Each structure stands twice: as structure tokens, then as C-alpha cells.
Amino acid sequence: MMKWNNIVWIGLTALVAAQLPAGAEELKVYDTVLNFQLPDNWRQVGTDELGGMFSAEFLPQEQRLADWTSLVCVQGFHGMGDRITPQAFFETFTNNYKASCLGEMVYEPLGALEMATGEQSGFQAILGCSRMPDTHLHGEPSSRGEIGYYAVLGGGEDLLLMHKSMRGLEFTAANVPLNGSNYREFIAPLQPIKLNQSN
């Protein structure tokens, strides 16, 4: 039986929230400003930008990137919003993910994201692998089960990929810790989330 700790999931419906609480994270990714809430014991641990690709990672205080079990990651792809749809982008991402998976792959599309206007502005899915190599650890090779909620956010000239993933003991595709019927209960800790174009 898998044990998953510090589970915090990225909200969907909160993308349309008008107000942000004090202390919300604000992340500028090219021409987009992304606001979201982290639990008190989480922190930003890294950020990078190179060749039109941006990334920022967030972890619980006691964890490191080398051996994380819970992770929030935001990636930005400059200019991709004019070249590919969020769903097509994620399908390409999924193919690359599959190439690294040593076990059973879990892929459950959750459909389009919609803003308050009803405009389709992204794509969401659950993606995981029952046995994923842990390339960050030194010493003996190891593998762990990995699964997460992913959202590709569009609407401007850039695309954002935001996900919350967790690692733990290996699992089977018949007994995954996250699926379309239970992911919503993990949304609240990151709410509200707001996406705006910067001036």
C-alpha cells in the first residue's frame, strides 16, 4: 500500500478567482503572471530560464530536489502558444514521458480547461508511471512510482505547464493513488490560482 505525504494539488476552478489572499505566490513567466497559494511549509527552491524555456520548482521545507516526494513545478515555453494547442503540446510531452517510464504508464485526460467566459484556455490530465527511474539520486540506481496532475495553460503567445507530482513506492496501473474521481479533493491547498497577461 502506498503512503503519500504532503499532497497538494493544483486547482482548476480557482483559475477564475478574482481575489488572491495575502502571501500568495506571484510568478512572472515571460508575458504571463501566475498567482497561486502554497502551504506555509513550502518554498521555492529553484528557477531557470534558457532559450525560451522557463522553469520554477517548489518543495516542502524538509525536502530537496535530489530526493523529493512532493513537487510543484511551473514551466513556461515562450512563443509556443501561437504554434500548438495545449492538448497537442501535452500529447508530445506525454510521449517523451513514456520513453522514460520503466513500468506501467498512467495517462488519464481530464479535458479542456475553461475560463469564466467559457473560452477554452488549456488542457488537463493525470500522468504517471508505476516505476520511474530516479535520476537525481547518487549511488545505486533506484526507481519509484510517480504520478501527478498536469495543466497546460494557454490564452497568450506562451504556454505554461503547471503540475503537482508525488513520488513513493512503486504501484500498478490498477491501483493508482490519483485518478479522475479523487483528484479534486486535493485542489484546495493551492487555491486560488489566477492567470493574467502582464502589461
Protein backbone atom coordinates (compact mmCIF):
# COMPACT_ATOMS: atom_id res chain seq x y z
CA MET A 1 0.00 0.00 0.00
CA MET A 2 1.46 3.36 -0.97
CA LYS A 3 1.97 6.15 1.52
CA TRP A 4 1.80 9.63 0.06
CA ASN A 5 2.53 12.66 2.23
CA ASN A 6 2.22 16.41 1.79
CA ILE A 7 -0.23 16.04 -1.08
CA VAL A 8 -1.24 19.35 -2.59
CA TRP A 9 -2.96 19.55 -5.92
CA ILE A 10 -3.20 22.33 -8.46
CA GLY A 11 -6.65 23.86 -8.66
CA LEU A 12 -8.67 24.18 -11.80
CA THR A 13 -11.76 26.09 -10.88
CA ALA A 14 -9.62 28.55 -8.94
CA LEU A 15 -8.14 29.84 -12.19
CA VAL A 16 -11.09 32.21 -12.41
CA ALA A 17 -10.80 33.56 -8.87
CA ALA A 18 -10.85 37.34 -8.73
CA GLN A 19 -9.11 37.83 -5.38
CA LEU A 20 -5.83 36.45 -4.09
CA PRO A 21 -5.07 36.01 -0.39
CA ALA A 22 -2.15 37.75 1.27
CA GLY A 23 1.06 35.81 0.81
CA ALA A 24 0.11 34.19 -2.48
CA GLU A 25 2.98 33.28 -4.77
CA GLU A 26 3.37 35.51 -7.82
CA LEU A 27 5.43 34.17 -10.69
CA LYS A 28 6.15 36.12 -13.88
CA VAL A 29 6.69 33.78 -16.78
CA TYR A 30 7.52 35.80 -19.88
CA ASP A 31 4.31 37.74 -20.65
CA THR A 32 2.16 35.88 -18.13
CA VAL A 33 1.71 36.43 -14.39
CA LEU A 34 0.70 33.32 -12.46
CA ASN A 35 -0.59 33.65 -8.90
CA PHE A 36 -1.20 30.67 -6.65
CA GLN A 37 -1.14 29.72 -2.98
CA LEU A 38 1.38 27.42 -1.33
CA PRO A 39 1.07 25.87 2.13
CA ASP A 40 3.14 27.59 4.81
CA ASN A 41 5.76 24.85 4.86
CA TRP A 42 6.53 25.03 1.14
CA ARG A 43 9.18 27.16 -0.56
CA GLN A 44 10.57 27.94 -4.00
CA VAL A 45 13.82 26.02 -4.46
CA GLY A 46 14.87 26.83 -7.98
CA THR A 47 14.26 28.86 -11.11
CA ASP A 48 15.88 28.82 -14.53
CA GLU A 49 15.44 30.36 -17.97
CA LEU A 50 17.26 29.35 -21.11
CA GLY A 51 16.44 29.61 -24.78
CA GLY A 52 12.77 30.46 -24.41
CA MET A 53 12.12 27.87 -21.69
CA PHE A 54 11.42 28.85 -18.07
CA SER A 55 11.11 26.63 -15.00
CA ALA A 56 10.48 27.08 -11.27
CA GLU A 57 10.20 24.39 -8.60
CA PHE A 58 8.54 24.38 -5.19
CA LEU A 59 9.01 21.82 -2.40
CA PRO A 60 8.07 21.25 1.24
CA GLN A 61 10.66 22.78 3.59
CA GLU A 62 12.20 19.46 4.59
CA GLN A 63 12.71 18.16 1.04
CA ARG A 64 15.38 18.64 -1.62
CA LEU A 65 15.26 18.44 -5.41
CA ALA A 66 17.62 15.46 -5.24
CA ASP A 67 15.09 13.27 -3.41
CA TRP A 68 11.70 14.96 -3.44
CA THR A 69 8.44 13.16 -2.76
CA SER A 70 6.15 16.16 -3.41
CA LEU A 71 6.80 18.80 -6.05
CA VAL A 72 5.05 21.74 -7.69
CA CYS A 73 6.66 22.78 -10.95
CA VAL A 74 5.84 25.61 -13.37
CA GLN A 75 7.36 25.61 -16.84
CA GLY A 76 6.97 28.29 -19.49
CA PHE A 77 7.50 27.97 -23.24
CA HIS A 78 7.89 31.31 -24.96
CA GLY A 79 6.07 31.68 -28.27
CA MET A 80 4.58 28.18 -28.22
CA GLY A 81 1.03 29.42 -27.71
CA ASP A 82 0.92 30.62 -31.31
CA ARG A 83 2.28 27.37 -32.70
CA ILE A 84 0.50 24.49 -30.96
CA THR A 85 -2.66 23.85 -28.96
CA PRO A 86 -2.39 22.99 -25.24
CA GLN A 87 -3.68 19.46 -25.89
CA ALA A 88 -1.28 18.78 -28.76
CA PHE A 89 1.58 20.14 -26.66
CA PHE A 90 0.73 17.82 -23.79
CA GLU A 91 0.44 14.81 -26.07
CA THR A 92 4.02 15.46 -27.20
CA PHE A 93 5.09 15.85 -23.57
CA THR A 94 3.37 12.56 -22.73
CA ASN A 95 5.26 10.71 -25.47
CA ASN A 96 8.56 11.93 -24.04
CA TYR A 97 7.46 10.93 -20.54
CA LYS A 98 6.52 7.46 -21.76
CA ALA A 99 10.02 6.95 -23.12
CA SER A 100 11.43 7.30 -19.58
CA CYS A 101 8.87 5.07 -17.86
CA LEU A 102 10.17 1.64 -16.84
CA GLY A 103 6.82 0.33 -15.65
CA GLU A 104 3.16 0.87 -16.44
CA MET A 105 2.21 4.32 -17.69
CA VAL A 106 -0.89 6.07 -16.37
CA TYR A 107 -2.49 8.70 -18.61
CA GLU A 108 -5.99 9.97 -17.93
CA PRO A 109 -7.10 13.05 -19.90
CA LEU A 110 -9.43 15.29 -17.90
CA GLY A 111 -10.48 17.53 -20.76
CA ALA A 112 -10.23 21.21 -21.58
CA LEU A 113 -9.78 23.99 -19.06
CA GLU A 114 -12.26 26.83 -19.32
CA MET A 115 -12.11 30.38 -18.02
CA ALA A 116 -15.17 32.20 -16.68
CA THR A 117 -16.02 33.36 -20.21
CA GLY A 118 -16.29 29.75 -21.36
CA GLU A 119 -13.23 30.13 -23.58
CA GLN A 120 -11.10 27.01 -23.77
CA SER A 121 -7.70 28.06 -22.49
CA GLY A 122 -5.89 24.87 -21.61
CA PHE A 123 -5.80 21.13 -21.13
CA GLN A 124 -5.60 18.96 -18.01
CA ALA A 125 -4.66 15.35 -17.34
CA ILE A 126 -3.28 12.88 -14.84
CA LEU A 127 0.07 11.42 -15.84
CA GLY A 128 2.19 8.89 -14.02
CA CYS A 129 4.47 5.89 -14.16
CA SER A 130 4.38 2.90 -11.84
CA ARG A 131 8.18 2.61 -11.97
CA MET A 132 10.14 5.72 -12.92
CA PRO A 133 13.96 5.85 -12.69
CA ASP A 134 15.18 8.31 -10.07
CA THR A 135 17.98 10.04 -11.94
CA HIS A 136 18.63 12.64 -9.21
CA LEU A 137 19.89 10.19 -6.59
CA HIS A 138 23.57 9.27 -6.39
CA GLY A 139 24.87 5.76 -5.77
CA GLU A 140 22.85 2.68 -6.62
CA PRO A 141 20.18 3.12 -9.33
CA SER A 142 16.67 3.26 -7.94
CA SER A 143 13.12 3.72 -9.12
CA ARG A 144 9.89 4.92 -7.57
CA GLY A 145 6.27 5.31 -8.50
CA GLU A 146 5.47 8.81 -9.76
CA ILE A 147 2.14 10.43 -10.61
CA GLY A 148 0.82 13.95 -10.92
CA TYR A 149 -1.86 16.35 -12.01
CA TYR A 150 -0.86 18.43 -15.05
CA ALA A 151 -2.40 21.55 -16.55
CA VAL A 152 -1.26 23.22 -19.78
CA LEU A 153 -2.36 26.85 -19.66
CA GLY A 154 -2.74 28.93 -22.80
CA GLY A 155 -4.51 32.07 -23.93
CA GLY A 156 -1.48 34.17 -24.92
CA GLU A 157 1.58 33.68 -27.08
CA ASP A 158 3.20 31.49 -24.42
CA LEU A 159 2.25 28.12 -22.94
CA LEU A 160 2.58 27.25 -19.26
CA LEU A 161 2.81 23.71 -17.92
CA MET A 162 1.96 23.56 -14.22
CA HIS A 163 1.94 20.33 -12.28
CA LYS A 164 1.98 18.82 -8.84
CA SER A 165 3.65 15.43 -8.71
CA MET A 166 4.38 12.94 -5.97
CA ARG A 167 6.78 10.04 -5.64
CA GLY A 168 6.53 6.98 -3.45
CA LEU A 169 6.57 3.21 -3.60
CA GLU A 170 6.01 1.56 -6.94
CA PHE A 171 2.36 0.91 -7.80
CA THR A 172 0.35 -0.80 -10.50
CA ALA A 173 -1.89 0.79 -13.10
CA ALA A 174 -4.82 -0.97 -11.41
CA ASN A 175 -4.10 0.69 -8.05
CA VAL A 176 -3.01 4.28 -8.67
CA PRO A 177 -3.13 6.90 -5.88
CA LEU A 178 -4.67 9.57 -8.14
CA ASN A 179 -7.41 9.41 -10.76
CA GLY A 180 -10.26 11.34 -12.26
CA SER A 181 -12.58 10.59 -9.37
CA ASN A 182 -10.38 11.75 -6.49
CA TYR A 183 -8.04 14.49 -7.74
CA ARG A 184 -10.44 17.33 -6.92
CA GLU A 185 -10.16 16.80 -3.18
CA PHE A 186 -6.51 17.80 -3.38
CA ILE A 187 -7.18 21.14 -5.10
CA ALA A 188 -7.94 23.36 -2.11
CA PRO A 189 -4.44 23.95 -0.64
CA LEU A 190 -3.22 25.74 -3.79
CA GLN A 191 -6.31 27.88 -4.30
CA PRO A 192 -6.86 30.43 -5.55
CA ILE A 193 -4.90 30.37 -8.79
CA LYS A 194 -5.07 33.27 -11.20
CA LEU A 195 -3.56 33.68 -14.65
CA ASN A 196 -3.10 37.13 -16.22
CA GLN A 197 -1.22 38.64 -19.10
CA SER A 198 1.39 41.16 -17.90
CA ASN A 199 1.49 44.70 -19.21
